[in-house]
Amino acid sequence: LDEERSMVIDLTDRFNETKSKVKDKEDKVDYAATIKKMLDNNEITEDEYQVMKKYRTQINPRTLKEPKTDTEIEAERKKLVKEIKNSPVLKISQLKRIKNLHKIIVNSDCEEMLAIANQLGVHTQKRDDYYCSSFVNNSEYFEHIGQVTQAEHIMYAPVTCPFVKDDTIEKCIDIYQDLEDF
């Protein structure tokens, strides 16, 4: 075991310096294919190949993604808004079909989303930027929704869940209404 661990430093250097690197479709190094090619090219022995397989995470550690910049986040948000705008099945349109749903309120910080909601004839609530940030946790977010939404009962139906069927939503409402405390 100590012998294997002592080989890792040398094998790491050899892996980093090899001209036999194999890349995938996304131009990332394919570790397994690369060490196999190194073996086939006699750059490493069978024993070294086995050590490289065993100590993969030390020889070629995965790099963490860099956090997105504000510009990247904004570009992604704009892209999503465009996709939602151009989508034939908006969550709002679905919610308008649901029986026993008395009022639809779109809560967002995005002026474009609020404009879409207004065009579709539903109520809007401008959300404070803080509650759209990565700084807020779910508890704070839902507490905020409860505080700013003028309703006795609230159903959370995010646009990010487009595959929930109408009858599923209606059944949930029916079950909720059948509760003794309703």
C-alpha atoms as a PDB file:
ATOM      1  CA  LEU A   1       0.000   0.000   0.000  1.00  0.00           C
ATOM      2  CA  ASP A   2       2.806   2.432   0.875  1.00  0.00           C
ATOM      3  CA  GLU A   3       4.535   1.496  -2.363  1.00  0.00           C
ATOM      4  CA  GLU A   4       1.373   2.277  -4.332  1.00  0.00           C
ATOM      5  CA  ARG A   5       0.965   5.631  -2.600  1.00  0.00           C
ATOM      6  CA  SER A   6       4.554   6.551  -3.310  1.00  0.00           C
ATOM      7  CA  MET A   7       3.932   5.799  -7.006  1.00  0.00           C
ATOM      8  CA  VAL A   8       1.001   8.236  -7.145  1.00  0.00           C
ATOM      9  CA  ILE A   9       3.174  11.384  -7.279  1.00  0.00           C
ATOM     10  CA  ASP A  10       5.228  10.069 -10.197  1.00  0.00           C
ATOM     11  CA  LEU A  11       2.151   8.724 -11.989  1.00  0.00           C
ATOM     12  CA  THR A  12       0.392  12.066 -11.521  1.00  0.00           C
ATOM     13  CA  ASP A  13       3.277  13.860 -13.210  1.00  0.00           C
ATOM     14  CA  ARG A  14       3.343  11.319 -16.025  1.00  0.00           C
ATOM     15  CA  PHE A  15      -0.414  11.599 -16.509  1.00  0.00           C
ATOM     16  CA  ASN A  16      -0.246  15.406 -16.628  1.00  0.00           C
ATOM     17  CA  GLU A  17       2.628  15.349 -19.140  1.00  0.00           C
ATOM     18  CA  THR A  18       1.437  12.575 -21.459  1.00  0.00           C
ATOM     19  CA  LYS A  19       0.753  13.317 -25.114  1.00  0.00           C
ATOM     20  CA  SER A  20      -1.697  10.387 -25.114  1.00  0.00           C
ATOM     21  CA  LYS A  21      -4.600  12.283 -23.556  1.00  0.00           C
ATOM     22  CA  VAL A  22      -8.003  11.257 -24.904  1.00  0.00           C
ATOM     23  CA  LYS A  23     -10.763  13.883 -24.857  1.00  0.00           C
ATOM     24  CA  ASP A  24     -14.525  13.452 -24.903  1.00  0.00           C
ATOM     25  CA  LYS A  25     -17.171  15.350 -26.901  1.00  0.00           C
ATOM     26  CA  GLU A  26     -16.988  18.263 -24.471  1.00  0.00           C
ATOM     27  CA  ASP A  27     -13.191  18.458 -24.863  1.00  0.00           C
ATOM     28  CA  LYS A  28     -12.617  17.140 -21.331  1.00  0.00           C
ATOM     29  CA  VAL A  29      -9.961  14.549 -20.599  1.00  0.00           C
ATOM     30  CA  ASP A  30     -11.340  11.010 -20.482  1.00  0.00           C
ATOM     31  CA  TYR A  31      -9.265   9.595 -17.639  1.00  0.00           C
ATOM     32  CA  ALA A  32     -10.032   5.898 -18.206  1.00  0.00           C
ATOM     33  CA  ALA A  33      -9.377   6.103 -21.950  1.00  0.00           C
ATOM     34  CA  THR A  34      -6.197   8.112 -21.385  1.00  0.00           C
ATOM     35  CA  ILE A  35      -4.602   5.668 -18.956  1.00  0.00           C
ATOM     36  CA  LYS A  36      -5.604   2.776 -21.227  1.00  0.00           C
ATOM     37  CA  LYS A  37      -3.884   4.538 -24.131  1.00  0.00           C
ATOM     38  CA  MET A  38      -0.836   5.166 -21.920  1.00  0.00           C
ATOM     39  CA  LEU A  39      -0.738   1.426 -21.218  1.00  0.00           C
ATOM     40  CA  ASP A  40      -1.160   0.565 -24.906  1.00  0.00           C
ATOM     41  CA  ASN A  41       1.668   3.004 -25.785  1.00  0.00           C
ATOM     42  CA  ASN A  42       3.915   1.414 -23.115  1.00  0.00           C
ATOM     43  CA  GLU A  43       4.119   4.679 -21.162  1.00  0.00           C
ATOM     44  CA  ILE A  44       3.049   2.770 -18.058  1.00  0.00           C
ATOM     45  CA  THR A  45       3.185  -0.863 -16.968  1.00  0.00           C
ATOM     46  CA  GLU A  46       0.189  -3.037 -16.130  1.00  0.00           C
ATOM     47  CA  ASP A  47       0.940  -2.552 -12.396  1.00  0.00           C
ATOM     48  CA  GLU A  48       1.116   1.226 -12.837  1.00  0.00           C
ATOM     49  CA  TYR A  49      -2.147   1.109 -14.816  1.00  0.00           C
ATOM     50  CA  GLN A  50      -3.842  -0.682 -11.901  1.00  0.00           C
ATOM     51  CA  VAL A  51      -2.486   1.905  -9.440  1.00  0.00           C
ATOM     52  CA  MET A  52      -3.739   4.721 -11.671  1.00  0.00           C
ATOM     53  CA  LYS A  53      -7.199   3.135 -11.751  1.00  0.00           C
ATOM     54  CA  LYS A  54      -7.203   2.758  -7.978  1.00  0.00           C
ATOM     55  CA  TYR A  55      -5.963   6.295  -7.217  1.00  0.00           C
ATOM     56  CA  ARG A  56      -7.881   8.139  -9.909  1.00  0.00           C
ATOM     57  CA  THR A  57      -9.210  10.840  -7.599  1.00  0.00           C
ATOM     58  CA  GLN A  58      -5.710  11.693  -6.406  1.00  0.00           C
ATOM     59  CA  ILE A  59      -4.039  11.575  -9.815  1.00  0.00           C
ATOM     60  CA  ASN A  60      -6.774  13.469 -11.653  1.00  0.00           C
ATOM     61  CA  PRO A  61      -8.995  15.199  -9.100  1.00  0.00           C
ATOM     62  CA  ARG A  62     -12.260  16.596 -10.404  1.00  0.00           C
ATOM     63  CA  THR A  63     -12.298  20.343 -10.515  1.00  0.00           C
ATOM     64  CA  LEU A  64     -15.241  22.171  -9.045  1.00  0.00           C
ATOM     65  CA  LYS A  65     -17.172  24.417 -11.359  1.00  0.00           C
ATOM     66  CA  GLU A  66     -16.507  28.082 -10.938  1.00  0.00           C
ATOM     67  CA  PRO A  67     -19.538  29.920  -9.572  1.00  0.00           C
ATOM     68  CA  LYS A  68     -21.468  31.774 -12.255  1.00  0.00           C
ATOM     69  CA  THR A  69     -20.925  35.489 -12.556  1.00  0.00           C
ATOM     70  CA  ASP A  70     -23.826  37.910 -12.225  1.00  0.00           C
ATOM     71  CA  THR A  71     -23.627  38.441 -15.993  1.00  0.00           C
ATOM     72  CA  GLU A  72     -23.901  34.689 -16.656  1.00  0.00           C
ATOM     73  CA  ILE A  73     -26.823  34.385 -14.236  1.00  0.00           C
ATOM     74  CA  GLU A  74     -28.619  37.292 -15.907  1.00  0.00           C
ATOM     75  CA  ALA A  75     -28.014  35.817 -19.392  1.00  0.00           C
ATOM     76  CA  GLU A  76     -29.410  32.475 -18.197  1.00  0.00           C
ATOM     77  CA  ARG A  77     -32.438  34.199 -16.668  1.00  0.00           C
ATOM     78  CA  LYS A  78     -33.131  36.063 -19.930  1.00  0.00           C
ATOM     79  CA  LYS A  79     -32.845  32.821 -21.883  1.00  0.00           C
ATOM     80  CA  LEU A  80     -35.333  31.110 -19.547  1.00  0.00           C
ATOM     81  CA  VAL A  81     -37.760  34.010 -19.795  1.00  0.00           C
ATOM     82  CA  LYS A  82     -37.556  33.844 -23.587  1.00  0.00           C
ATOM     83  CA  GLU A  83     -38.196  30.084 -23.522  1.00  0.00           C
ATOM     84  CA  ILE A  84     -41.148  30.523 -21.174  1.00  0.00           C
ATOM     85  CA  LYS A  85     -42.533  33.377 -23.292  1.00  0.00           C
ATOM     86  CA  ASN A  86     -42.327  31.271 -26.413  1.00  0.00           C
ATOM     87  CA  SER A  87     -43.681  28.133 -24.766  1.00  0.00           C
ATOM     88  CA  PRO A  88     -47.205  27.144 -25.830  1.00  0.00           C
ATOM     89  CA  VAL A  89     -48.017  25.752 -22.375  1.00  0.00           C
ATOM     90  CA  LEU A  90     -47.440  28.307 -19.658  1.00  0.00           C
ATOM     91  CA  LYS A  91     -48.005  27.410 -16.035  1.00  0.00           C
ATOM     92  CA  ILE A  92     -50.473  30.307 -15.859  1.00  0.00           C
ATOM     93  CA  SER A  93     -52.559  28.842 -18.671  1.00  0.00           C
ATOM     94  CA  GLN A  94     -52.611  25.522 -16.856  1.00  0.00           C
ATOM     95  CA  LEU A  95     -53.627  27.071 -13.551  1.00  0.00           C
ATOM     96  CA  LYS A  96     -56.487  28.920 -15.247  1.00  0.00           C
ATOM     97  CA  ARG A  97     -57.973  25.497 -16.127  1.00  0.00           C
ATOM     98  CA  ILE A  98     -57.951  24.228 -12.532  1.00  0.00           C
ATOM     99  CA  LYS A  99     -61.301  24.093 -10.742  1.00  0.00           C
ATOM    100  CA  ASN A 100     -61.472  25.377  -7.160  1.00  0.00           C
ATOM    101  CA  LEU A 101     -58.548  27.741  -7.745  1.00  0.00           C
ATOM    102  CA  HIS A 102     -59.928  31.188  -6.975  1.00  0.00           C
ATOM    103  CA  LYS A 103     -57.014  33.496  -7.700  1.00  0.00           C
ATOM    104  CA  ILE A 104     -53.658  33.228  -9.472  1.00  0.00           C
ATOM    105  CA  ILE A 105     -50.831  35.466  -8.283  1.00  0.00           C
ATOM    106  CA  VAL A 106     -47.478  35.536 -10.036  1.00  0.00           C
ATOM    107  CA  ASN A 107     -44.751  36.509  -7.580  1.00  0.00           C
ATOM    108  CA  SER A 108     -41.512  37.471  -9.348  1.00  0.00           C
ATOM    109  CA  ASP A 109     -38.711  39.998  -9.462  1.00  0.00           C
ATOM    110  CA  CYS A 110     -38.690  39.812 -13.268  1.00  0.00           C
ATOM    111  CA  GLU A 111     -40.553  42.640 -14.979  1.00  0.00           C
ATOM    112  CA  GLU A 112     -40.951  40.545 -18.141  1.00  0.00           C
ATOM    113  CA  MET A 113     -42.609  37.696 -16.221  1.00  0.00           C
ATOM    114  CA  LEU A 114     -44.909  40.123 -14.443  1.00  0.00           C
ATOM    115  CA  ALA A 115     -45.862  41.672 -17.797  1.00  0.00           C
ATOM    116  CA  ILE A 116     -46.704  38.207 -19.190  1.00  0.00           C
ATOM    117  CA  ALA A 117     -48.843  37.542 -16.119  1.00  0.00           C
ATOM    118  CA  ASN A 118     -50.672  40.852 -16.595  1.00  0.00           C
ATOM    119  CA  GLN A 119     -51.275  40.070 -20.274  1.00  0.00           C
ATOM    120  CA  LEU A 120     -52.764  36.724 -19.244  1.00  0.00           C
ATOM    121  CA  GLY A 121     -55.089  38.478 -16.790  1.00  0.00           C
ATOM    122  CA  VAL A 122     -53.714  37.264 -13.463  1.00  0.00           C
ATOM    123  CA  HIS A 123     -52.578  39.149 -10.386  1.00  0.00           C
ATOM    124  CA  THR A 124     -48.938  40.012  -9.793  1.00  0.00           C
ATOM    125  CA  GLN A 125     -46.712  40.604  -6.799  1.00  0.00           C
ATOM    126  CA  LYS A 126     -43.289  42.197  -7.305  1.00  0.00           C
ATOM    127  CA  ARG A 127     -40.766  40.211  -5.277  1.00  0.00           C
ATOM    128  CA  ASP A 128     -37.902  41.902  -3.462  1.00  0.00           C
ATOM    129  CA  ASP A 129     -34.538  41.065  -5.076  1.00  0.00           C
ATOM    130  CA  TYR A 130     -33.274  39.516  -1.838  1.00  0.00           C
ATOM    131  CA  TYR A 131     -35.851  36.717  -2.086  1.00  0.00           C
ATOM    132  CA  CYS A 132     -34.593  35.838  -5.575  1.00  0.00           C
ATOM    133  CA  SER A 133     -30.961  35.595  -4.526  1.00  0.00           C
ATOM    134  CA  SER A 134     -28.843  32.666  -3.505  1.00  0.00           C
ATOM    135  CA  PHE A 135     -28.550  34.214  -0.031  1.00  0.00           C
ATOM    136  CA  VAL A 136     -32.105  33.376   0.968  1.00  0.00           C
ATOM    137  CA  ASN A 137     -32.925  29.894   2.233  1.00  0.00           C
ATOM    138  CA  ASN A 138     -36.185  28.079   1.514  1.00  0.00           C
ATOM    139  CA  SER A 139     -37.651  28.823   4.936  1.00  0.00           C
ATOM    140  CA  GLU A 140     -37.146  32.562   4.504  1.00  0.00           C
ATOM    141  CA  TYR A 141     -38.488  32.397   0.946  1.00  0.00           C
ATOM    142  CA  PHE A 142     -41.719  30.619   1.875  1.00  0.00           C
ATOM    143  CA  GLU A 143     -42.209  32.813   4.941  1.00  0.00           C
ATOM    144  CA  HIS A 144     -41.920  35.845   2.647  1.00  0.00           C
ATOM    145  CA  ILE A 145     -44.469  34.383   0.195  1.00  0.00           C
ATOM    146  CA  GLY A 146     -46.867  33.835   3.097  1.00  0.00           C
ATOM    147  CA  GLN A 147     -46.379  37.378   4.377  1.00  0.00           C
ATOM    148  CA  VAL A 148     -46.877  39.216   1.079  1.00  0.00           C
ATOM    149  CA  THR A 149     -49.630  37.081  -0.431  1.00  0.00           C
ATOM    150  CA  GLN A 150     -53.102  38.267   0.477  1.00  0.00           C
ATOM    151  CA  ALA A 151     -54.905  34.923   0.713  1.00  0.00           C
ATOM    152  CA  GLU A 152     -56.201  32.536   3.343  1.00  0.00           C
ATOM    153  CA  HIS A 153     -54.785  29.511   1.512  1.00  0.00           C
ATOM    154  CA  ILE A 154     -51.781  29.450  -0.817  1.00  0.00           C
ATOM    155  CA  MET A 155     -50.789  26.815  -3.342  1.00  0.00           C
ATOM    156  CA  TYR A 156     -47.193  27.011  -4.529  1.00  0.00           C
ATOM    157  CA  ALA A 157     -47.023  26.173  -8.250  1.00  0.00           C
ATOM    158  CA  PRO A 158     -43.622  27.154  -9.672  1.00  0.00           C
ATOM    159  CA  VAL A 159     -43.165  27.443 -13.410  1.00  0.00           C
ATOM    160  CA  THR A 160     -40.133  25.177 -12.985  1.00  0.00           C
ATOM    161  CA  CYS A 161     -42.505  22.212 -12.511  1.00  0.00           C
ATOM    162  CA  PRO A 162     -44.223  22.067 -15.900  1.00  0.00           C
ATOM    163  CA  PHE A 163     -45.016  18.349 -15.907  1.00  0.00           C
ATOM    164  CA  VAL A 164     -47.561  18.272 -13.079  1.00  0.00           C
ATOM    165  CA  LYS A 165     -50.890  17.344 -14.673  1.00  0.00           C
ATOM    166  CA  ASP A 166     -54.128  19.273 -14.197  1.00  0.00           C
ATOM    167  CA  ASP A 167     -55.856  16.322 -12.514  1.00  0.00           C
ATOM    168  CA  THR A 168     -52.948  15.934 -10.070  1.00  0.00           C
ATOM    169  CA  ILE A 169     -53.309  19.561  -8.986  1.00  0.00           C
ATOM    170  CA  GLU A 170     -57.103  19.188  -8.706  1.00  0.00           C
ATOM    171  CA  LYS A 171     -56.733  16.030  -6.586  1.00  0.00           C
ATOM    172  CA  CYS A 172     -54.322  17.837  -4.260  1.00  0.00           C
ATOM    173  CA  ILE A 173     -56.806  20.683  -3.836  1.00  0.00           C
ATOM    174  CA  ASP A 174     -59.643  18.203  -3.170  1.00  0.00           C
ATOM    175  CA  ILE A 175     -57.584  16.344  -0.539  1.00  0.00           C
ATOM    176  CA  TYR A 176     -56.606  19.639   1.102  1.00  0.00           C
ATOM    177  CA  GLN A 177     -60.228  20.825   1.181  1.00  0.00           C
ATOM    178  CA  ASP A 178     -61.352  17.518   2.723  1.00  0.00           C
ATOM    179  CA  LEU A 179     -59.096  18.062   5.739  1.00  0.00           C
ATOM    180  CA  GLU A 180     -61.008  18.777   8.956  1.00  0.00           C
ATOM    181  CA  ASP A 181     -59.161  22.037   9.624  1.00  0.00           C
ATOM    182  CA  PHE A 182     -59.809  23.487   6.182  1.00  0.00           C
END
